[in-house]
Amino acid sequence: MRAVIESMTTQELIAQAYSAFNRRDVDAALRLMSENVSWPKASEGGRVVGKQEIRDYWARQWAEFDPRVDVLEVVEREAGKTDVKVHQLVKNLKGDVLSDTELLHVYTIANGLIERMDIKEGEGALEGPSAAFSGEHSPEMIP
């Protein structure tokens, strides 16, 4: 499996990661990440490090929310950075829309695996919980 991942383009890696997330296929998503991957906790604030921490975080997130994230554009930059413009639709478990917006996800990719993901909302990187999960978000387009 490792050889297959290393032969993927960045576009393919990103597409597979979002597809796995949207299908709730945690194992498929985690195979695309390094062991010590750093991931933002959009619905809680802060970060998690490592595959098991991401697995646990997603289980908590999906127990409260139904997020769907679709790739709109992928732009590879230097130093292993990749900008991914996404459309994010977050619903509660009753199906009520909490947020329908576009965001910028910034990935660090090394050795064919995702090492880090950051979320940019507005002018800076997200540190606390995303407004998308509170139902109080006003749709804004991220350039």
C-alpha atoms as a PDB file:
ATOM      1  CA  MET A   1       0.000   0.000   0.000  1.00  0.00           C
ATOM      2  CA  ARG A   2       2.857   2.398   0.816  1.00  0.00           C
ATOM      3  CA  ALA A   3       4.208   2.203  -2.767  1.00  0.00           C
ATOM      4  CA  VAL A   4       0.758   3.032  -4.130  1.00  0.00           C
ATOM      5  CA  ILE A   5       0.492   6.096  -1.884  1.00  0.00           C
ATOM      6  CA  GLU A   6       3.960   7.334  -2.843  1.00  0.00           C
ATOM      7  CA  SER A   7       3.067   7.103  -6.546  1.00  0.00           C
ATOM      8  CA  MET A   8      -0.069   9.256  -6.121  1.00  0.00           C
ATOM      9  CA  THR A   9      -0.052  12.856  -7.224  1.00  0.00           C
ATOM     10  CA  THR A  10      -0.898  15.507  -4.652  1.00  0.00           C
ATOM     11  CA  GLN A  11      -4.251  16.004  -6.402  1.00  0.00           C
ATOM     12  CA  GLU A  12      -5.034  12.280  -6.069  1.00  0.00           C
ATOM     13  CA  LEU A  13      -3.936  12.197  -2.431  1.00  0.00           C
ATOM     14  CA  ILE A  14      -6.179  15.148  -1.573  1.00  0.00           C
ATOM     15  CA  ALA A  15      -9.137  13.747  -3.551  1.00  0.00           C
ATOM     16  CA  GLN A  16      -8.838  10.363  -1.812  1.00  0.00           C
ATOM     17  CA  ALA A  17      -8.568  11.980   1.632  1.00  0.00           C
ATOM     18  CA  TYR A  18     -11.766  14.013   1.204  1.00  0.00           C
ATOM     19  CA  SER A  19     -13.596  11.091  -0.376  1.00  0.00           C
ATOM     20  CA  ALA A  20     -12.692   8.866   2.579  1.00  0.00           C
ATOM     21  CA  PHE A  21     -13.733  11.559   5.079  1.00  0.00           C
ATOM     22  CA  ASN A  22     -17.095  12.063   3.373  1.00  0.00           C
ATOM     23  CA  ARG A  23     -17.707   8.283   3.333  1.00  0.00           C
ATOM     24  CA  ARG A  24     -16.669   8.127   7.018  1.00  0.00           C
ATOM     25  CA  ASP A  25     -13.985   5.609   6.017  1.00  0.00           C
ATOM     26  CA  VAL A  26     -11.520   6.491   8.763  1.00  0.00           C
ATOM     27  CA  ASP A  27      -9.047   3.707   7.925  1.00  0.00           C
ATOM     28  CA  ALA A  28      -8.777   4.825   4.279  1.00  0.00           C
ATOM     29  CA  ALA A  29      -8.233   8.446   5.336  1.00  0.00           C
ATOM     30  CA  LEU A  30      -5.629   7.572   7.964  1.00  0.00           C
ATOM     31  CA  ARG A  31      -3.617   5.479   5.467  1.00  0.00           C
ATOM     32  CA  LEU A  32      -2.928   8.762   3.649  1.00  0.00           C
ATOM     33  CA  MET A  33      -1.393  10.367   6.751  1.00  0.00           C
ATOM     34  CA  SER A  34       1.929  10.121   8.555  1.00  0.00           C
ATOM     35  CA  GLU A  35       2.050   8.500  12.006  1.00  0.00           C
ATOM     36  CA  ASN A  36       2.468  11.866  13.758  1.00  0.00           C
ATOM     37  CA  VAL A  37       0.043  13.845  11.612  1.00  0.00           C
ATOM     38  CA  SER A  38      -1.141  17.119  13.178  1.00  0.00           C
ATOM     39  CA  TRP A  39      -4.826  17.908  12.633  1.00  0.00           C
ATOM     40  CA  PRO A  40      -7.105  20.794  13.681  1.00  0.00           C
ATOM     41  CA  LYS A  41     -10.133  20.035  15.842  1.00  0.00           C
ATOM     42  CA  ALA A  42     -12.533  22.282  13.928  1.00  0.00           C
ATOM     43  CA  SER A  43     -15.557  21.393  16.048  1.00  0.00           C
ATOM     44  CA  GLU A  44     -13.728  21.638  19.406  1.00  0.00           C
ATOM     45  CA  GLY A  45     -10.743  23.923  19.003  1.00  0.00           C
ATOM     46  CA  GLY A  46      -7.087  23.017  19.388  1.00  0.00           C
ATOM     47  CA  ARG A  47      -5.247  20.204  17.614  1.00  0.00           C
ATOM     48  CA  VAL A  48      -4.713  16.474  17.771  1.00  0.00           C
ATOM     49  CA  VAL A  49      -1.506  14.648  16.867  1.00  0.00           C
ATOM     50  CA  GLY A  50      -1.371  11.072  15.662  1.00  0.00           C
ATOM     51  CA  LYS A  51      -3.746   8.736  13.877  1.00  0.00           C
ATOM     52  CA  GLN A  52      -5.519   7.398  16.965  1.00  0.00           C
ATOM     53  CA  GLU A  53      -6.199  10.930  18.196  1.00  0.00           C
ATOM     54  CA  ILE A  54      -7.707  11.815  14.806  1.00  0.00           C
ATOM     55  CA  ARG A  55      -9.829   8.639  14.862  1.00  0.00           C
ATOM     56  CA  ASP A  56     -11.137   9.543  18.340  1.00  0.00           C
ATOM     57  CA  TYR A  57     -11.755  13.186  17.376  1.00  0.00           C
ATOM     58  CA  TRP A  58     -13.692  12.272  14.224  1.00  0.00           C
ATOM     59  CA  ALA A  59     -15.828   9.811  16.223  1.00  0.00           C
ATOM     60  CA  ARG A  60     -16.753  12.638  18.631  1.00  0.00           C
ATOM     61  CA  GLN A  61     -17.363  15.079  15.748  1.00  0.00           C
ATOM     62  CA  TRP A  62     -19.596  12.685  13.797  1.00  0.00           C
ATOM     63  CA  ALA A  63     -21.591  11.897  16.941  1.00  0.00           C
ATOM     64  CA  GLU A  64     -22.714  15.562  16.960  1.00  0.00           C
ATOM     65  CA  PHE A  65     -22.378  16.848  13.395  1.00  0.00           C
ATOM     66  CA  ASP A  66     -22.701  15.691   9.795  1.00  0.00           C
ATOM     67  CA  PRO A  67     -20.002  17.557   7.849  1.00  0.00           C
ATOM     68  CA  ARG A  68     -19.384  17.152   4.127  1.00  0.00           C
ATOM     69  CA  VAL A  69     -16.327  18.743   2.540  1.00  0.00           C
ATOM     70  CA  ASP A  70     -15.812  18.873  -1.228  1.00  0.00           C
ATOM     71  CA  VAL A  71     -12.683  20.032  -3.020  1.00  0.00           C
ATOM     72  CA  LEU A  72     -13.089  23.039  -5.308  1.00  0.00           C
ATOM     73  CA  GLU A  73      -9.442  23.758  -6.137  1.00  0.00           C
ATOM     74  CA  VAL A  74      -5.983  22.396  -5.286  1.00  0.00           C
ATOM     75  CA  VAL A  75      -2.912  24.621  -5.579  1.00  0.00           C
ATOM     76  CA  GLU A  76       0.512  23.146  -4.876  1.00  0.00           C
ATOM     77  CA  ARG A  77       2.961  25.619  -3.382  1.00  0.00           C
ATOM     78  CA  GLU A  78       6.594  25.310  -2.368  1.00  0.00           C
ATOM     79  CA  ALA A  79       8.011  23.428   0.626  1.00  0.00           C
ATOM     80  CA  GLY A  80       5.400  20.676   0.535  1.00  0.00           C
ATOM     81  CA  LYS A  81       2.499  23.068   1.145  1.00  0.00           C
ATOM     82  CA  THR A  82      -0.788  22.632  -0.709  1.00  0.00           C
ATOM     83  CA  ASP A  83      -3.763  24.997  -0.565  1.00  0.00           C
ATOM     84  CA  VAL A  84      -7.144  23.332  -0.937  1.00  0.00           C
ATOM     85  CA  LYS A  85     -10.211  25.499  -1.420  1.00  0.00           C
ATOM     86  CA  VAL A  86     -13.228  23.538  -0.214  1.00  0.00           C
ATOM     87  CA  HIS A  87     -16.993  23.790   0.034  1.00  0.00           C
ATOM     88  CA  GLN A  88     -18.012  22.748   3.533  1.00  0.00           C
ATOM     89  CA  LEU A  89     -21.580  21.889   4.470  1.00  0.00           C
ATOM     90  CA  VAL A  90     -22.141  21.203   8.163  1.00  0.00           C
ATOM     91  CA  LYS A  91     -25.459  19.862   9.414  1.00  0.00           C
ATOM     92  CA  ASN A  92     -26.598  18.744  12.816  1.00  0.00           C
ATOM     93  CA  LEU A  93     -27.788  15.164  13.142  1.00  0.00           C
ATOM     94  CA  LYS A  94     -31.390  16.257  12.507  1.00  0.00           C
ATOM     95  CA  GLY A  95     -30.325  17.548   9.074  1.00  0.00           C
ATOM     96  CA  ASP A  96     -30.483  21.270   9.893  1.00  0.00           C
ATOM     97  CA  VAL A  97     -27.803  23.250   8.045  1.00  0.00           C
ATOM     98  CA  LEU A  98     -25.405  24.926  10.476  1.00  0.00           C
ATOM     99  CA  SER A  99     -22.958  26.202   7.872  1.00  0.00           C
ATOM    100  CA  ASP A 100     -22.632  26.262   4.097  1.00  0.00           C
ATOM    101  CA  THR A 101     -19.407  28.007   3.151  1.00  0.00           C
ATOM    102  CA  GLU A 102     -16.054  27.934   1.406  1.00  0.00           C
ATOM    103  CA  LEU A 103     -12.818  27.590   3.363  1.00  0.00           C
ATOM    104  CA  LEU A 104      -9.129  27.226   2.716  1.00  0.00           C
ATOM    105  CA  HIS A 105      -7.397  24.101   4.043  1.00  0.00           C
ATOM    106  CA  VAL A 106      -3.599  24.183   3.991  1.00  0.00           C
ATOM    107  CA  TYR A 107      -1.787  20.852   3.922  1.00  0.00           C
ATOM    108  CA  THR A 108       1.832  19.966   4.530  1.00  0.00           C
ATOM    109  CA  ILE A 109       2.714  16.834   2.574  1.00  0.00           C
ATOM    110  CA  ALA A 110       5.971  14.937   2.984  1.00  0.00           C
ATOM    111  CA  ASN A 111       7.047  11.596   1.539  1.00  0.00           C
ATOM    112  CA  GLY A 112       3.662  11.226  -0.128  1.00  0.00           C
ATOM    113  CA  LEU A 113       1.713  11.496   3.148  1.00  0.00           C
ATOM    114  CA  ILE A 114      -0.265  14.236   4.876  1.00  0.00           C
ATOM    115  CA  GLU A 115       1.817  15.598   7.760  1.00  0.00           C
ATOM    116  CA  ARG A 116      -0.380  18.529   8.813  1.00  0.00           C
ATOM    117  CA  MET A 117      -3.626  20.289   7.996  1.00  0.00           C
ATOM    118  CA  ASP A 118      -4.592  23.824   8.933  1.00  0.00           C
ATOM    119  CA  ILE A 119      -7.868  25.659   8.402  1.00  0.00           C
ATOM    120  CA  LYS A 120      -7.936  29.300   7.388  1.00  0.00           C
ATOM    121  CA  GLU A 121     -11.074  31.270   8.144  1.00  0.00           C
ATOM    122  CA  GLY A 122     -11.023  34.966   7.328  1.00  0.00           C
ATOM    123  CA  GLU A 123      -7.554  36.408   7.726  1.00  0.00           C
ATOM    124  CA  GLY A 124      -5.771  33.780   9.787  1.00  0.00           C
ATOM    125  CA  ALA A 125      -5.357  30.204  10.872  1.00  0.00           C
ATOM    126  CA  LEU A 126      -8.083  28.725  13.031  1.00  0.00           C
ATOM    127  CA  GLU A 127      -7.084  28.086  16.651  1.00  0.00           C
ATOM    128  CA  GLY A 128     -10.439  27.772  18.448  1.00  0.00           C
ATOM    129  CA  PRO A 129     -13.579  25.963  17.325  1.00  0.00           C
ATOM    130  CA  SER A 130     -14.772  26.830  13.839  1.00  0.00           C
ATOM    131  CA  ALA A 131     -17.852  29.024  13.619  1.00  0.00           C
ATOM    132  CA  ALA A 132     -19.105  26.473  11.055  1.00  0.00           C
ATOM    133  CA  PHE A 133     -19.969  24.064  13.867  1.00  0.00           C
ATOM    134  CA  SER A 134     -21.878  26.591  15.956  1.00  0.00           C
ATOM    135  CA  GLY A 135     -24.555  27.484  13.438  1.00  0.00           C
ATOM    136  CA  GLU A 136     -23.567  31.153  13.824  1.00  0.00           C
ATOM    137  CA  HIS A 137     -21.358  31.415  10.744  1.00  0.00           C
ATOM    138  CA  SER A 138     -22.007  33.941   8.038  1.00  0.00           C
ATOM    139  CA  PRO A 139     -20.959  32.601   4.628  1.00  0.00           C
ATOM    140  CA  GLU A 140     -17.753  34.220   3.431  1.00  0.00           C
ATOM    141  CA  MET A 141     -15.622  33.331   0.483  1.00  0.00           C
ATOM    142  CA  ILE A 142     -11.981  32.721   1.297  1.00  0.00           C
ATOM    143  CA  PRO A 143      -9.669  33.889  -1.500  1.00  0.00           C
END
